[in-house]
Amino acid sequence: MEKQMNRRTFFRKSSGLAGAAGVIASGGLAAARLYAQAEGRIVRRPDRYEDSFIFQRKPFTWPEGKTLAVWIIPNVEVWQFNSPAGVAISPNVQNIVPDVINFAWREYGMRVGLWRIADVLDSAGIRATVALNAGVCEVFPAAVEEMKKRGWELMGHGITNSQTLANMPLDQERELIRTTLKTIEQASGKRPQGWLGPGLVETFNTLDLLAEEGVQYVGDWNNDDQPYPMQVKKGNLFSIPYCMELNDIGLFNRNGYTGEQYFRAIIDQFETLYADSQKQARVMGIPLHPFLVGHPLRIKYLRNAIEQMKKYQGVWFATGSEILAAYQRTL
């Protein structure tokens, strides 16, 4: 998430869009239209999914007649000490290394904050779906064991959040994905079914590579309130909404939300989706970063929000793979 500027740079440098940008700069909008029409279309689309409106789809429900599936996604991450990359609480505009202030702030989540989140979820009887840097398996193997004890699902999240997939050559990206999945499988005994890119960054090859490696769902594409199938060269891959609007990095770090505002945001999102789900089943993701929500001044607002949501009979708290399996049964 913190790599938004890099993501924009990546797309500008990609072949198709870079060409269009050059045409716009030299000849304006009319010239850009001519450029696009030369490729047989006015607007370039991802060509990764069917374009449809939610009201056009066949209604369905989740198991036992539930209408709103809620999955909770702690991002459990590690960073390189000799890199300035990573979300920050204090600006490091000169990219000073070691960046002790920000590195230590993020590590608080691993050492303390994650376990506050675990206590909240344990009390509520909810299993998390963890976006896991494979590097955690090396640095904090005991943490992986604790997550296994709780039955949390582990999905791939790259090796470290000091590195995204931006501009990565095909062979290097394939190796990174394979290493991530293999490392988590060896540490947990189960191969990840899901994937969330570090910074939600992809290349034009990412989805095909994930499907080739047996990944079943991805959280990077936040353009819907329901799962949907993605088009890949080999295998099957689905999108499950991760819900960037509730991402605690955006709310706390960028927008300066208080705990009360965070609680209100979760409940506002929930109440609307729950009402919508009476017509069409929905999914609500709650992305968490232990170095944010796991701090003492914020954790009670997550607890209060979960307690509020659990009062509704139509809510199904599930993991990513459970949501996917239920969705596939409706197809």
C-alpha atoms as a PDB file:
ATOM      1  CA  MET A   1       0.000   0.000   0.000  1.00  0.00           C
ATOM      2  CA  GLU A   2       2.809   2.362   0.856  1.00  0.00           C
ATOM      3  CA  LYS A   3       4.264   1.904  -2.635  1.00  0.00           C
ATOM      4  CA  GLN A   4       1.536   3.887  -4.384  1.00  0.00           C
ATOM      5  CA  MET A   5       3.983   6.189  -6.149  1.00  0.00           C
ATOM      6  CA  ASN A   6       6.079   3.244  -7.347  1.00  0.00           C
ATOM      7  CA  ARG A   7       2.950   1.590  -8.701  1.00  0.00           C
ATOM      8  CA  ARG A   8       2.042   4.657 -10.725  1.00  0.00           C
ATOM      9  CA  THR A   9       5.596   4.859 -12.036  1.00  0.00           C
ATOM     10  CA  PHE A  10       5.487   1.177 -12.973  1.00  0.00           C
ATOM     11  CA  PHE A  11       2.315   1.533 -15.009  1.00  0.00           C
ATOM     12  CA  ARG A  12       3.587   4.648 -16.755  1.00  0.00           C
ATOM     13  CA  LYS A  13       6.695   2.761 -17.812  1.00  0.00           C
ATOM     14  CA  SER A  14       4.808  -0.298 -19.017  1.00  0.00           C
ATOM     15  CA  SER A  15       4.842  -0.612 -22.785  1.00  0.00           C
ATOM     16  CA  GLY A  16       1.246   0.099 -23.725  1.00  0.00           C
ATOM     17  CA  LEU A  17       0.612   2.952 -21.337  1.00  0.00           C
ATOM     18  CA  ALA A  18       4.027   4.482 -21.856  1.00  0.00           C
ATOM     19  CA  GLY A  19       3.314   4.720 -25.563  1.00  0.00           C
ATOM     20  CA  ALA A  20      -0.070   6.288 -24.933  1.00  0.00           C
ATOM     21  CA  ALA A  21       1.440   8.793 -22.510  1.00  0.00           C
ATOM     22  CA  GLY A  22       3.948   9.856 -25.128  1.00  0.00           C
ATOM     23  CA  VAL A  23       1.215  10.327 -27.718  1.00  0.00           C
ATOM     24  CA  ILE A  24      -0.851  12.425 -25.320  1.00  0.00           C
ATOM     25  CA  ALA A  25       2.149  14.608 -24.530  1.00  0.00           C
ATOM     26  CA  SER A  26       2.903  15.226 -28.191  1.00  0.00           C
ATOM     27  CA  GLY A  27      -0.516  15.328 -29.778  1.00  0.00           C
ATOM     28  CA  GLY A  28      -3.216  15.666 -27.128  1.00  0.00           C
ATOM     29  CA  LEU A  29      -6.353  13.612 -26.548  1.00  0.00           C
ATOM     30  CA  ALA A  30      -7.247  13.212 -30.218  1.00  0.00           C
ATOM     31  CA  ALA A  31      -3.853  11.701 -30.921  1.00  0.00           C
ATOM     32  CA  ALA A  32      -4.250   9.393 -27.939  1.00  0.00           C
ATOM     33  CA  ARG A  33      -7.542   8.130 -29.380  1.00  0.00           C
ATOM     34  CA  LEU A  34      -5.828   7.395 -32.679  1.00  0.00           C
ATOM     35  CA  TYR A  35      -3.098   5.497 -30.814  1.00  0.00           C
ATOM     36  CA  ALA A  36      -5.650   3.379 -28.965  1.00  0.00           C
ATOM     37  CA  GLN A  37      -7.717   2.770 -32.103  1.00  0.00           C
ATOM     38  CA  ALA A  38      -4.609   1.497 -33.846  1.00  0.00           C
ATOM     39  CA  GLU A  39      -4.633  -1.304 -31.287  1.00  0.00           C
ATOM     40  CA  GLY A  40      -8.308  -1.947 -32.029  1.00  0.00           C
ATOM     41  CA  ARG A  41      -9.792  -0.280 -28.943  1.00  0.00           C
ATOM     42  CA  ILE A  42     -10.361   3.161 -27.455  1.00  0.00           C
ATOM     43  CA  VAL A  43      -9.617   2.172 -23.870  1.00  0.00           C
ATOM     44  CA  ARG A  44      -7.184  -0.507 -22.811  1.00  0.00           C
ATOM     45  CA  ARG A  45      -8.760  -2.906 -20.306  1.00  0.00           C
ATOM     46  CA  PRO A  46      -7.071  -5.515 -18.072  1.00  0.00           C
ATOM     47  CA  ASP A  47      -8.760  -8.368 -19.994  1.00  0.00           C
ATOM     48  CA  ARG A  48      -8.652 -10.396 -16.792  1.00  0.00           C
ATOM     49  CA  TYR A  49     -12.352 -10.649 -15.910  1.00  0.00           C
ATOM     50  CA  GLU A  50     -15.838 -10.313 -17.311  1.00  0.00           C
ATOM     51  CA  ASP A  51     -17.295  -6.827 -17.067  1.00  0.00           C
ATOM     52  CA  SER A  52     -20.605  -7.046 -15.235  1.00  0.00           C
ATOM     53  CA  PHE A  53     -22.765  -4.997 -12.901  1.00  0.00           C
ATOM     54  CA  ILE A  54     -23.646  -6.555  -9.578  1.00  0.00           C
ATOM     55  CA  PHE A  55     -27.405  -6.279 -10.156  1.00  0.00           C
ATOM     56  CA  GLN A  56     -27.067  -8.368 -13.323  1.00  0.00           C
ATOM     57  CA  ARG A  57     -25.775 -11.441 -11.491  1.00  0.00           C
ATOM     58  CA  LYS A  58     -27.619 -14.471 -10.211  1.00  0.00           C
ATOM     59  CA  PRO A  59     -28.372 -14.032  -6.479  1.00  0.00           C
ATOM     60  CA  PHE A  60     -26.859 -16.531  -4.048  1.00  0.00           C
ATOM     61  CA  THR A  61     -26.251 -16.893  -0.321  1.00  0.00           C
ATOM     62  CA  TRP A  62     -23.368 -18.097   1.791  1.00  0.00           C
ATOM     63  CA  PRO A  63     -23.553 -21.327   3.835  1.00  0.00           C
ATOM     64  CA  GLU A  64     -26.574 -21.684   6.162  1.00  0.00           C
ATOM     65  CA  GLY A  65     -28.295 -18.804   4.422  1.00  0.00           C
ATOM     66  CA  LYS A  66     -25.779 -16.183   5.536  1.00  0.00           C
ATOM     67  CA  THR A  67     -25.602 -13.147   3.281  1.00  0.00           C
ATOM     68  CA  LEU A  68     -22.451 -11.245   4.267  1.00  0.00           C
ATOM     69  CA  ALA A  69     -19.066 -12.965   4.463  1.00  0.00           C
ATOM     70  CA  VAL A  70     -16.461 -11.168   6.588  1.00  0.00           C
ATOM     71  CA  TRP A  71     -12.811 -12.115   6.420  1.00  0.00           C
ATOM     72  CA  ILE A  72     -10.131 -10.525   8.599  1.00  0.00           C
ATOM     73  CA  ILE A  73      -6.650 -10.178   7.102  1.00  0.00           C
ATOM     74  CA  PRO A  74      -3.694  -9.372   9.365  1.00  0.00           C
ATOM     75  CA  ASN A  75      -0.638  -8.467   7.298  1.00  0.00           C
ATOM     76  CA  VAL A  76       2.266 -10.198   9.048  1.00  0.00           C
ATOM     77  CA  GLU A  77       5.442  -8.783   7.586  1.00  0.00           C
ATOM     78  CA  VAL A  78       9.197  -8.343   7.919  1.00  0.00           C
ATOM     79  CA  TRP A  79      11.580  -5.741   6.500  1.00  0.00           C
ATOM     80  CA  GLN A  80      15.245  -5.519   5.598  1.00  0.00           C
ATOM     81  CA  PHE A  81      17.171  -3.544   8.246  1.00  0.00           C
ATOM     82  CA  ASN A  82      19.501  -2.221   5.552  1.00  0.00           C
ATOM     83  CA  SER A  83      16.652  -0.816   3.435  1.00  0.00           C
ATOM     84  CA  PRO A  84      14.615   2.369   3.909  1.00  0.00           C
ATOM     85  CA  ALA A  85      11.576   0.779   2.255  1.00  0.00           C
ATOM     86  CA  GLY A  86       8.463   0.367   4.361  1.00  0.00           C
ATOM     87  CA  VAL A  87       5.486   2.244   5.747  1.00  0.00           C
ATOM     88  CA  ALA A  88       6.649   5.000   8.076  1.00  0.00           C
ATOM     89  CA  ILE A  89       5.488   6.892  11.133  1.00  0.00           C
ATOM     90  CA  SER A  90       8.324   9.417  10.770  1.00  0.00           C
ATOM     91  CA  PRO A  91       9.376  10.817   7.357  1.00  0.00           C
ATOM     92  CA  ASN A  92      12.657   9.473   5.987  1.00  0.00           C
ATOM     93  CA  VAL A  93      12.917  11.632   2.899  1.00  0.00           C
ATOM     94  CA  GLN A  94      16.689  11.135   2.671  1.00  0.00           C
ATOM     95  CA  ASN A  95      16.334   7.317   2.776  1.00  0.00           C
ATOM     96  CA  ILE A  96      18.673   7.071   5.756  1.00  0.00           C
ATOM     97  CA  VAL A  97      19.757   3.527   6.667  1.00  0.00           C
ATOM     98  CA  PRO A  98      19.350   2.127   9.215  1.00  0.00           C
ATOM     99  CA  ASP A  99      15.936   3.750   9.619  1.00  0.00           C
ATOM    100  CA  VAL A 100      15.662   2.832  13.284  1.00  0.00           C
ATOM    101  CA  ILE A 101      12.555   4.890  14.097  1.00  0.00           C
ATOM    102  CA  ASN A 102      10.372   3.356  11.409  1.00  0.00           C
ATOM    103  CA  PHE A 103      11.895  -0.120  11.500  1.00  0.00           C
ATOM    104  CA  ALA A 104      11.352  -0.433  15.252  1.00  0.00           C
ATOM    105  CA  TRP A 105       7.821   1.005  14.982  1.00  0.00           C
ATOM    106  CA  ARG A 106       6.888  -1.648  12.430  1.00  0.00           C
ATOM    107  CA  GLU A 107       8.502  -4.447  14.450  1.00  0.00           C
ATOM    108  CA  TYR A 108       6.329  -3.553  17.434  1.00  0.00           C
ATOM    109  CA  GLY A 109       3.510  -5.154  15.488  1.00  0.00           C
ATOM    110  CA  MET A 110       5.347  -8.450  15.238  1.00  0.00           C
ATOM    111  CA  ARG A 111       6.578  -8.491  18.840  1.00  0.00           C
ATOM    112  CA  VAL A 112       3.431  -7.180  20.554  1.00  0.00           C
ATOM    113  CA  GLY A 113       0.637  -5.893  18.312  1.00  0.00           C
ATOM    114  CA  LEU A 114      -0.130  -9.135  16.489  1.00  0.00           C
ATOM    115  CA  TRP A 115      -0.809 -10.883  19.767  1.00  0.00           C
ATOM    116  CA  ARG A 116      -3.315  -8.237  20.835  1.00  0.00           C
ATOM    117  CA  ILE A 117      -5.132  -8.894  17.570  1.00  0.00           C
ATOM    118  CA  ALA A 118      -4.891 -12.637  18.242  1.00  0.00           C
ATOM    119  CA  ASP A 119      -6.503 -12.164  21.668  1.00  0.00           C
ATOM    120  CA  VAL A 120      -9.398 -10.249  20.107  1.00  0.00           C
ATOM    121  CA  LEU A 121      -9.978 -12.883  17.430  1.00  0.00           C
ATOM    122  CA  ASP A 122      -9.600 -15.753  19.910  1.00  0.00           C
ATOM    123  CA  SER A 123     -12.244 -14.202  22.155  1.00  0.00           C
ATOM    124  CA  ALA A 124     -14.600 -13.811  19.197  1.00  0.00           C
ATOM    125  CA  GLY A 125     -13.937 -17.335  17.872  1.00  0.00           C
ATOM    126  CA  ILE A 126     -12.720 -15.996  14.527  1.00  0.00           C
ATOM    127  CA  ARG A 127      -9.951 -17.457  12.375  1.00  0.00           C
ATOM    128  CA  ALA A 128      -7.827 -14.944  10.493  1.00  0.00           C
ATOM    129  CA  THR A 129      -6.487 -15.147   6.954  1.00  0.00           C
ATOM    130  CA  VAL A 130      -2.897 -13.940   7.224  1.00  0.00           C
ATOM    131  CA  ALA A 131      -1.088 -12.158   4.409  1.00  0.00           C
ATOM    132  CA  LEU A 132       2.308 -13.610   5.306  1.00  0.00           C
ATOM    133  CA  ASN A 133       5.745 -12.527   4.168  1.00  0.00           C
ATOM    134  CA  ALA A 134       7.665 -15.760   3.701  1.00  0.00           C
ATOM    135  CA  GLY A 135      10.575 -14.133   5.510  1.00  0.00           C
ATOM    136  CA  VAL A 136       8.578 -14.385   8.731  1.00  0.00           C
ATOM    137  CA  CYS A 137       9.070 -18.148   8.587  1.00  0.00           C
ATOM    138  CA  GLU A 138      12.825 -17.603   8.864  1.00  0.00           C
ATOM    139  CA  VAL A 139      12.913 -14.692  11.298  1.00  0.00           C
ATOM    140  CA  PHE A 140       9.961 -15.533  13.561  1.00  0.00           C
ATOM    141  CA  PRO A 141       9.274 -19.275  13.218  1.00  0.00           C
ATOM    142  CA  ALA A 142       7.576 -19.312  16.645  1.00  0.00           C
ATOM    143  CA  ALA A 143       5.034 -16.818  15.318  1.00  0.00           C
ATOM    144  CA  VAL A 144       4.131 -19.219  12.511  1.00  0.00           C
ATOM    145  CA  GLU A 145       3.586 -21.950  15.094  1.00  0.00           C
ATOM    146  CA  GLU A 146       1.266 -19.690  17.078  1.00  0.00           C
ATOM    147  CA  MET A 147      -0.764 -18.923  13.965  1.00  0.00           C
ATOM    148  CA  LYS A 148      -0.952 -22.632  13.137  1.00  0.00           C
ATOM    149  CA  LYS A 149      -2.270 -23.375  16.640  1.00  0.00           C
ATOM    150  CA  ARG A 150      -5.135 -20.988  16.006  1.00  0.00           C
ATOM    151  CA  GLY A 151      -6.003 -22.535  12.672  1.00  0.00           C
ATOM    152  CA  TRP A 152      -5.325 -19.290  10.853  1.00  0.00           C
ATOM    153  CA  GLU A 153      -5.065 -19.525   7.094  1.00  0.00           C
ATOM    154  CA  LEU A 154      -1.764 -18.356   5.589  1.00  0.00           C
ATOM    155  CA  MET A 155      -1.662 -16.776   2.147  1.00  0.00           C
ATOM    156  CA  GLY A 156       1.418 -15.670   0.244  1.00  0.00           C
ATOM    157  CA  HIS A 157       2.532 -12.051   0.595  1.00  0.00           C
ATOM    158  CA  GLY A 158       5.947 -12.063  -1.029  1.00  0.00           C
ATOM    159  CA  ILE A 159       9.178 -12.618   0.860  1.00  0.00           C
ATOM    160  CA  THR A 160       9.531  -9.232   2.551  1.00  0.00           C
ATOM    161  CA  ASN A 161       7.659  -5.947   2.300  1.00  0.00           C
ATOM    162  CA  SER A 162      10.949  -4.264   1.510  1.00  0.00           C
ATOM    163  CA  GLN A 163      10.450  -5.584  -2.045  1.00  0.00           C
ATOM    164  CA  THR A 164       7.423  -5.449  -4.329  1.00  0.00           C
ATOM    165  CA  LEU A 165       6.942  -7.046  -7.748  1.00  0.00           C
ATOM    166  CA  ALA A 166       7.187  -3.708  -9.565  1.00  0.00           C
ATOM    167  CA  ASN A 167       9.235  -3.911 -12.779  1.00  0.00           C
ATOM    168  CA  MET A 168      10.345  -7.445 -11.924  1.00  0.00           C
ATOM    169  CA  PRO A 169      11.480  -9.597 -14.882  1.00  0.00           C
ATOM    170  CA  LEU A 170       9.350 -12.666 -15.593  1.00  0.00           C
ATOM    171  CA  ASP A 171      11.832 -15.318 -14.405  1.00  0.00           C
ATOM    172  CA  GLN A 172      12.671 -13.404 -11.241  1.00  0.00           C
ATOM    173  CA  GLU A 173       8.997 -12.924 -10.411  1.00  0.00           C
ATOM    174  CA  ARG A 174       8.277 -16.622 -10.988  1.00  0.00           C
ATOM    175  CA  GLU A 175      11.121 -17.539  -8.623  1.00  0.00           C
ATOM    176  CA  LEU A 176       9.938 -15.098  -5.959  1.00  0.00           C
ATOM    177  CA  ILE A 177       6.402 -16.509  -6.073  1.00  0.00           C
ATOM    178  CA  ARG A 178       7.661 -20.103  -5.965  1.00  0.00           C
ATOM    179  CA  THR A 179      10.002 -19.343  -3.074  1.00  0.00           C
ATOM    180  CA  THR A 180       7.221 -17.607  -1.129  1.00  0.00           C
ATOM    181  CA  LEU A 181       4.764 -20.466  -1.538  1.00  0.00           C
ATOM    182  CA  LYS A 182       7.341 -23.201  -0.888  1.00  0.00           C
ATOM    183  CA  THR A 183       8.701 -21.498   2.233  1.00  0.00           C
ATOM    184  CA  ILE A 184       5.260 -21.041   3.774  1.00  0.00           C
ATOM    185  CA  GLU A 185       4.305 -24.615   2.866  1.00  0.00           C
ATOM    186  CA  GLN A 186       7.416 -26.013   4.517  1.00  0.00           C
ATOM    187  CA  ALA A 187       6.844 -23.959   7.675  1.00  0.00           C
ATOM    188  CA  SER A 188       3.099 -24.542   7.990  1.00  0.00           C
ATOM    189  CA  GLY A 189       2.548 -27.915   6.337  1.00  0.00           C
ATOM    190  CA  LYS A 190       0.050 -26.449   3.897  1.00  0.00           C
ATOM    191  CA  ARG A 191       0.565 -24.729   0.551  1.00  0.00           C
ATOM    192  CA  PRO A 192      -1.074 -21.285   0.439  1.00  0.00           C
ATOM    193  CA  GLN A 193      -4.259 -21.050  -1.598  1.00  0.00           C
ATOM    194  CA  GLY A 194      -4.330 -17.251  -1.574  1.00  0.00           C
ATOM    195  CA  TRP A 195      -2.060 -14.355  -2.469  1.00  0.00           C
ATOM    196  CA  LEU A 196      -1.798 -10.676  -1.612  1.00  0.00           C
ATOM    197  CA  GLY A 197       1.025  -8.830  -3.316  1.00  0.00           C
ATOM    198  CA  PRO A 198       3.371  -6.740  -1.158  1.00  0.00           C
ATOM    199  CA  GLY A 199       1.925  -3.262  -1.577  1.00  0.00           C
ATOM    200  CA  LEU A 200      -0.786  -4.963  -3.713  1.00  0.00           C
ATOM    201  CA  VAL A 201       1.654  -4.565  -6.614  1.00  0.00           C
ATOM    202  CA  GLU A 202       1.529  -6.829  -9.668  1.00  0.00           C
ATOM    203  CA  THR A 203       3.157  -7.038 -13.062  1.00  0.00           C
ATOM    204  CA  PHE A 204       1.278  -7.982 -16.220  1.00  0.00           C
ATOM    205  CA  ASN A 205       2.463 -11.566 -15.596  1.00  0.00           C
ATOM    206  CA  THR A 206       1.554 -11.978 -11.922  1.00  0.00           C
ATOM    207  CA  LEU A 207      -1.896 -13.538 -12.255  1.00  0.00           C
ATOM    208  CA  ASP A 208      -0.714 -16.139 -14.778  1.00  0.00           C
ATOM    209  CA  LEU A 209       2.263 -17.044 -12.599  1.00  0.00           C
ATOM    210  CA  LEU A 210       0.106 -17.396  -9.492  1.00  0.00           C
ATOM    211  CA  ALA A 211      -2.356 -19.663 -11.277  1.00  0.00           C
ATOM    212  CA  GLU A 212       0.474 -21.802 -12.665  1.00  0.00           C
ATOM    213  CA  GLU A 213       1.687 -22.350  -9.096  1.00  0.00           C
ATOM    214  CA  GLY A 214      -1.749 -23.456  -7.908  1.00  0.00           C
ATOM    215  CA  VAL A 215      -2.828 -20.273  -6.125  1.00  0.00           C
ATOM    216  CA  GLN A 216      -6.629 -20.144  -6.102  1.00  0.00           C
ATOM    217  CA  TYR A 217      -7.463 -16.581  -5.090  1.00  0.00           C
ATOM    218  CA  VAL A 218      -5.920 -13.133  -4.962  1.00  0.00           C
ATOM    219  CA  GLY A 219      -6.802 -10.042  -2.910  1.00  0.00           C
ATOM    220  CA  ASP A 220      -5.097  -7.383  -5.037  1.00  0.00           C
ATOM    221  CA  TRP A 221      -8.133  -6.486  -7.153  1.00  0.00           C
ATOM    222  CA  ASN A 222     -10.556  -4.360  -5.150  1.00  0.00           C
ATOM    223  CA  ASN A 223     -13.162  -3.553  -7.766  1.00  0.00           C
ATOM    224  CA  ASP A 224     -16.156  -5.528  -6.459  1.00  0.00           C
ATOM    225  CA  ASP A 225     -18.127  -6.635  -3.392  1.00  0.00           C
ATOM    226  CA  GLN A 226     -18.231 -10.260  -4.540  1.00  0.00           C
ATOM    227  CA  PRO A 227     -15.647 -12.824  -5.617  1.00  0.00           C
ATOM    228  CA  TYR A 228     -15.285 -13.362  -9.345  1.00  0.00           C
ATOM    229  CA  PRO A 229     -13.243 -15.561 -11.706  1.00  0.00           C
ATOM    230  CA  MET A 230     -10.151 -14.096 -13.320  1.00  0.00           C
ATOM    231  CA  GLN A 231      -8.860 -15.008 -16.760  1.00  0.00           C
ATOM    232  CA  VAL A 232      -5.471 -16.719 -16.659  1.00  0.00           C
ATOM    233  CA  LYS A 233      -3.471 -18.737 -19.168  1.00  0.00           C
ATOM    234  CA  LYS A 234      -3.495 -21.936 -17.117  1.00  0.00           C
ATOM    235  CA  GLY A 235      -5.485 -23.109 -14.112  1.00  0.00           C
ATOM    236  CA  ASN A 236      -8.120 -21.161 -12.178  1.00  0.00           C
ATOM    237  CA  LEU A 237      -7.868 -17.977 -10.179  1.00  0.00           C
ATOM    238  CA  PHE A 238     -10.479 -15.864  -8.388  1.00  0.00           C
ATOM    239  CA  SER A 239     -10.539 -12.399  -6.890  1.00  0.00           C
ATOM    240  CA  ILE A 240     -11.798 -11.904  -3.329  1.00  0.00           C
ATOM    241  CA  PRO A 241     -12.343  -8.301  -2.146  1.00  0.00           C
ATOM    242  CA  TYR A 242      -9.657  -7.245   0.332  1.00  0.00           C
ATOM    243  CA  CYS A 243     -11.325  -3.858   0.898  1.00  0.00           C
ATOM    244  CA  MET A 244      -8.799  -1.050   0.581  1.00  0.00           C
ATOM    245  CA  GLU A 245     -11.269   1.480   1.997  1.00  0.00           C
ATOM    246  CA  LEU A 246     -10.871  -0.081   5.448  1.00  0.00           C
ATOM    247  CA  ASN A 247      -7.124  -0.555   5.216  1.00  0.00           C
ATOM    248  CA  ASP A 248      -5.735   0.740   8.501  1.00  0.00           C
ATOM    249  CA  ILE A 249      -2.674   2.184   6.757  1.00  0.00           C
ATOM    250  CA  GLY A 250      -4.896   4.498   4.749  1.00  0.00           C
ATOM    251  CA  LEU A 251      -7.186   5.381   7.637  1.00  0.00           C
ATOM    252  CA  PHE A 252      -4.639   5.857  10.415  1.00  0.00           C
ATOM    253  CA  ASN A 253      -1.392   6.711   8.646  1.00  0.00           C
ATOM    254  CA  ARG A 254      -2.654   8.777   5.733  1.00  0.00           C
ATOM    255  CA  ASN A 255      -5.988  10.163   6.920  1.00  0.00           C
ATOM    256  CA  GLY A 256      -5.137  10.524  10.609  1.00  0.00           C
ATOM    257  CA  TYR A 257      -8.200   8.696  11.904  1.00  0.00           C
ATOM    258  CA  THR A 258      -8.802   8.395  15.616  1.00  0.00           C
ATOM    259  CA  GLY A 259      -9.862   5.078  17.127  1.00  0.00           C
ATOM    260  CA  GLU A 260     -13.471   6.271  17.239  1.00  0.00           C
ATOM    261  CA  GLN A 261     -13.368   7.201  13.540  1.00  0.00           C
ATOM    262  CA  TYR A 262     -11.878   3.822  12.697  1.00  0.00           C
ATOM    263  CA  PHE A 263     -14.673   2.040  14.552  1.00  0.00           C
ATOM    264  CA  ARG A 264     -17.264   4.178  12.766  1.00  0.00           C
ATOM    265  CA  ALA A 265     -15.692   3.447   9.380  1.00  0.00           C
ATOM    266  CA  ILE A 266     -15.854  -0.313   9.943  1.00  0.00           C
ATOM    267  CA  ILE A 267     -19.465  -0.172  11.108  1.00  0.00           C
ATOM    268  CA  ASP A 268     -20.557   2.186   8.320  1.00  0.00           C
ATOM    269  CA  GLN A 269     -19.032  -0.194   5.771  1.00  0.00           C
ATOM    270  CA  PHE A 270     -20.592  -3.175   7.502  1.00  0.00           C
ATOM    271  CA  GLU A 271     -24.101  -1.746   7.811  1.00  0.00           C
ATOM    272  CA  THR A 272     -24.294  -0.794   4.148  1.00  0.00           C
ATOM    273  CA  LEU A 273     -22.895  -4.106   2.937  1.00  0.00           C
ATOM    274  CA  TYR A 274     -25.223  -6.016   5.247  1.00  0.00           C
ATOM    275  CA  ALA A 275     -28.243  -4.134   3.865  1.00  0.00           C
ATOM    276  CA  ASP A 276     -27.003  -4.710   0.301  1.00  0.00           C
ATOM    277  CA  SER A 277     -26.496  -8.395   1.018  1.00  0.00           C
ATOM    278  CA  GLN A 278     -30.222  -8.899   1.465  1.00  0.00           C
ATOM    279  CA  LYS A 279     -30.424  -8.593  -2.347  1.00  0.00           C
ATOM    280  CA  GLN A 280     -26.988  -9.932  -3.367  1.00  0.00           C
ATOM    281  CA  ALA A 281     -24.476 -11.756  -1.191  1.00  0.00           C
ATOM    282  CA  ARG A 282     -21.432  -9.636  -0.353  1.00  0.00           C
ATOM    283  CA  VAL A 283     -17.908  -9.893   1.022  1.00  0.00           C
ATOM    284  CA  MET A 284     -16.312  -7.521   3.509  1.00  0.00           C
ATOM    285  CA  GLY A 285     -12.585  -7.615   4.108  1.00  0.00           C
ATOM    286  CA  ILE A 286     -10.902  -6.029   7.123  1.00  0.00           C
ATOM    287  CA  PRO A 287      -7.173  -5.524   6.417  1.00  0.00           C
ATOM    288  CA  LEU A 288      -5.074  -5.137   9.569  1.00  0.00           C
ATOM    289  CA  HIS A 289      -1.469  -4.199  10.254  1.00  0.00           C
ATOM    290  CA  PRO A 290      -0.330  -5.168  13.756  1.00  0.00           C
ATOM    291  CA  PHE A 291       1.927  -2.106  14.001  1.00  0.00           C
ATOM    292  CA  LEU A 292      -1.206   0.051  13.688  1.00  0.00           C
ATOM    293  CA  VAL A 293      -4.322  -1.633  15.079  1.00  0.00           C
ATOM    294  CA  GLY A 294      -2.191  -3.647  17.503  1.00  0.00           C
ATOM    295  CA  HIS A 295      -1.211  -0.570  19.507  1.00  0.00           C
ATOM    296  CA  PRO A 296      -2.917  -0.053  22.880  1.00  0.00           C
ATOM    297  CA  LEU A 297      -4.775   3.097  21.819  1.00  0.00           C
ATOM    298  CA  ARG A 298      -6.543   1.339  18.913  1.00  0.00           C
ATOM    299  CA  ILE A 299      -7.149  -2.321  19.710  1.00  0.00           C
ATOM    300  CA  LYS A 300     -10.381  -1.802  21.633  1.00  0.00           C
ATOM    301  CA  TYR A 301     -12.005  -0.236  18.582  1.00  0.00           C
ATOM    302  CA  LEU A 302     -11.371  -3.353  16.545  1.00  0.00           C
ATOM    303  CA  ARG A 303     -12.762  -5.454  19.400  1.00  0.00           C
ATOM    304  CA  ASN A 304     -15.857  -3.248  19.668  1.00  0.00           C
ATOM    305  CA  ALA A 305     -16.466  -3.398  15.915  1.00  0.00           C
ATOM    306  CA  ILE A 306     -16.269  -7.201  15.857  1.00  0.00           C
ATOM    307  CA  GLU A 307     -18.630  -7.457  18.832  1.00  0.00           C
ATOM    308  CA  GLN A 308     -21.104  -5.219  16.991  1.00  0.00           C
ATOM    309  CA  MET A 309     -20.939  -7.245  13.773  1.00  0.00           C
ATOM    310  CA  LYS A 310     -21.397 -10.550  15.577  1.00  0.00           C
ATOM    311  CA  LYS A 311     -24.868  -9.443  16.685  1.00  0.00           C
ATOM    312  CA  TYR A 312     -26.188  -9.902  13.131  1.00  0.00           C
ATOM    313  CA  GLN A 313     -27.440 -13.374  12.242  1.00  0.00           C
ATOM    314  CA  GLY A 314     -26.691 -13.090   8.531  1.00  0.00           C
ATOM    315  CA  VAL A 315     -22.949 -12.608   9.006  1.00  0.00           C
ATOM    316  CA  TRP A 316     -20.471 -15.383   8.248  1.00  0.00           C
ATOM    317  CA  PHE A 317     -16.927 -14.931   9.558  1.00  0.00           C
ATOM    318  CA  ALA A 318     -14.764 -17.026   7.273  1.00  0.00           C
ATOM    319  CA  THR A 319     -11.281 -17.458   5.822  1.00  0.00           C
ATOM    320  CA  GLY A 320     -10.358 -16.676   2.243  1.00  0.00           C
ATOM    321  CA  SER A 321     -10.372 -20.306   1.118  1.00  0.00           C
ATOM    322  CA  GLU A 322     -13.731 -20.926   2.825  1.00  0.00           C
ATOM    323  CA  ILE A 323     -15.239 -17.978   0.982  1.00  0.00           C
ATOM    324  CA  LEU A 324     -13.821 -19.206  -2.312  1.00  0.00           C
ATOM    325  CA  ALA A 325     -15.076 -22.751  -1.820  1.00  0.00           C
ATOM    326  CA  ALA A 326     -18.571 -21.505  -0.986  1.00  0.00           C
ATOM    327  CA  TYR A 327     -18.568 -19.162  -3.972  1.00  0.00           C
ATOM    328  CA  GLN A 328     -17.463 -21.906  -6.367  1.00  0.00           C
ATOM    329  CA  ARG A 329     -20.417 -24.029  -5.264  1.00  0.00           C
ATOM    330  CA  THR A 330     -22.753 -21.292  -6.516  1.00  0.00           C
ATOM    331  CA  LEU A 331     -21.334 -21.258 -10.061  1.00  0.00           C
END
